[in-house]
Protein backbone atom coordinates (compact mmCIF):
# COMPACT_ATOMS: atom_id res chain seq x y z
CA MET A 1 -27.92 -26.17 -9.36
CA ARG A 2 -29.80 -29.38 -10.50
CA ARG A 3 -33.04 -30.14 -8.62
CA TYR A 4 -34.50 -33.56 -8.28
CA SER A 5 -37.65 -35.22 -7.85
CA SER A 6 -38.60 -37.41 -4.87
CA ASP A 7 -37.93 -40.49 -6.82
CA GLY A 8 -34.38 -39.09 -7.94
CA ARG A 9 -35.03 -37.95 -11.39
CA ALA A 10 -33.52 -34.70 -12.28
CA LEU A 11 -35.87 -32.02 -13.03
CA ALA A 12 -35.71 -29.60 -16.14
CA THR A 13 -33.60 -26.55 -15.52
CA TYR A 14 -34.59 -22.98 -16.67
CA GLN A 15 -31.99 -23.39 -19.30
CA GLU A 16 -33.31 -26.69 -20.64
CA ILE A 17 -37.11 -25.34 -20.63
CA SER A 18 -35.84 -22.20 -22.40
CA ALA A 19 -34.10 -24.16 -24.97
CA PHE A 20 -37.00 -26.74 -25.42
CA LEU A 21 -39.47 -23.81 -26.20
CA ALA A 22 -37.08 -22.12 -28.64
CA GLU A 23 -36.90 -25.37 -30.39
CA VAL A 24 -40.44 -26.21 -30.65
CA GLU A 25 -41.88 -22.70 -31.20
CA ARG A 26 -42.15 -22.83 -34.94
CA ARG A 27 -43.61 -26.34 -35.08
CA ALA A 28 -46.30 -25.54 -32.43
CA PHE A 29 -46.93 -22.32 -34.48
CA LYS A 30 -47.51 -24.38 -37.79
CA GLN A 31 -49.68 -26.86 -35.90
CA ALA A 32 -51.84 -24.16 -34.51
CA MET A 33 -52.06 -22.24 -37.85
CA PHE A 34 -52.93 -25.33 -39.54
CA ALA A 35 -55.83 -25.91 -37.15
CA VAL A 36 -57.28 -22.45 -36.68
CA ARG A 37 -56.28 -20.80 -39.88
CA ASP A 38 -55.58 -17.42 -38.25
CA GLU A 39 -52.22 -16.12 -37.52
CA HIS A 40 -53.06 -13.99 -34.44
CA SER A 41 -55.09 -16.94 -32.92
CA ALA A 42 -52.11 -19.25 -33.65
CA VAL A 43 -49.79 -16.96 -31.96
CA ASP A 44 -52.04 -16.57 -28.82
CA ILE A 45 -52.30 -20.48 -28.69
CA VAL A 46 -48.73 -21.15 -28.71
CA GLN A 47 -48.13 -18.43 -26.24
CA ASP A 48 -50.81 -19.88 -23.99
CA ALA A 49 -49.37 -23.30 -24.34
CA MET A 50 -45.87 -22.17 -23.46
CA LEU A 51 -47.09 -20.50 -20.39
CA LYS A 52 -49.05 -23.38 -19.33
CA LEU A 53 -45.98 -25.64 -19.74
CA THR A 54 -43.62 -23.32 -17.53
CA GLU A 55 -46.35 -22.46 -14.80
CA LYS A 56 -47.62 -25.88 -14.16
CA TYR A 57 -44.96 -28.50 -15.59
CA SER A 58 -41.71 -26.71 -14.82
CA ASP A 59 -41.09 -29.38 -11.94
CA LYS A 60 -40.98 -32.18 -14.51
CA PRO A 61 -37.88 -33.85 -15.97
CA ALA A 62 -36.70 -32.51 -19.28
CA ALA A 63 -37.37 -35.82 -21.03
CA GLU A 64 -41.04 -35.36 -20.30
CA LEU A 65 -41.49 -31.80 -21.83
CA PRO A 66 -42.02 -32.88 -25.61
CA MET A 67 -45.03 -35.02 -24.66
CA LEU A 68 -46.52 -32.75 -22.13
CA PHE A 69 -46.00 -29.73 -24.58
CA GLN A 70 -47.70 -31.57 -27.39
CA ARG A 71 -50.72 -32.30 -25.22
CA ILE A 72 -51.00 -28.84 -24.09
CA VAL A 73 -50.92 -27.24 -27.60
CA GLN A 74 -53.31 -29.86 -28.67
CA ASN A 75 -55.81 -29.02 -25.79
CA THR A 76 -55.32 -25.32 -26.12
CA ILE A 77 -56.26 -25.57 -29.96
CA HIS A 78 -59.34 -27.60 -28.81
CA ASP A 79 -60.27 -25.02 -26.27
CA HIS A 80 -60.10 -22.32 -29.15
CA PHE A 81 -62.95 -23.58 -30.55
């Protein structure tokens, strides 16, 4: 069942969030790996970013997920240092 925001925008479904995360996982890992140069830390960063997206932003439209996730990954990398 599709959920809608108060302004009528369709919110992301569980399936859309899962598909999005599966699609961007490798790219996010490469970005984190480039920044921290440590495989274990890069995996932790990507997992933390994915968790933050699903916990805090699952009530957003699917179209907003790429922008939000990119910012979360960047901030999580920054927090690593």
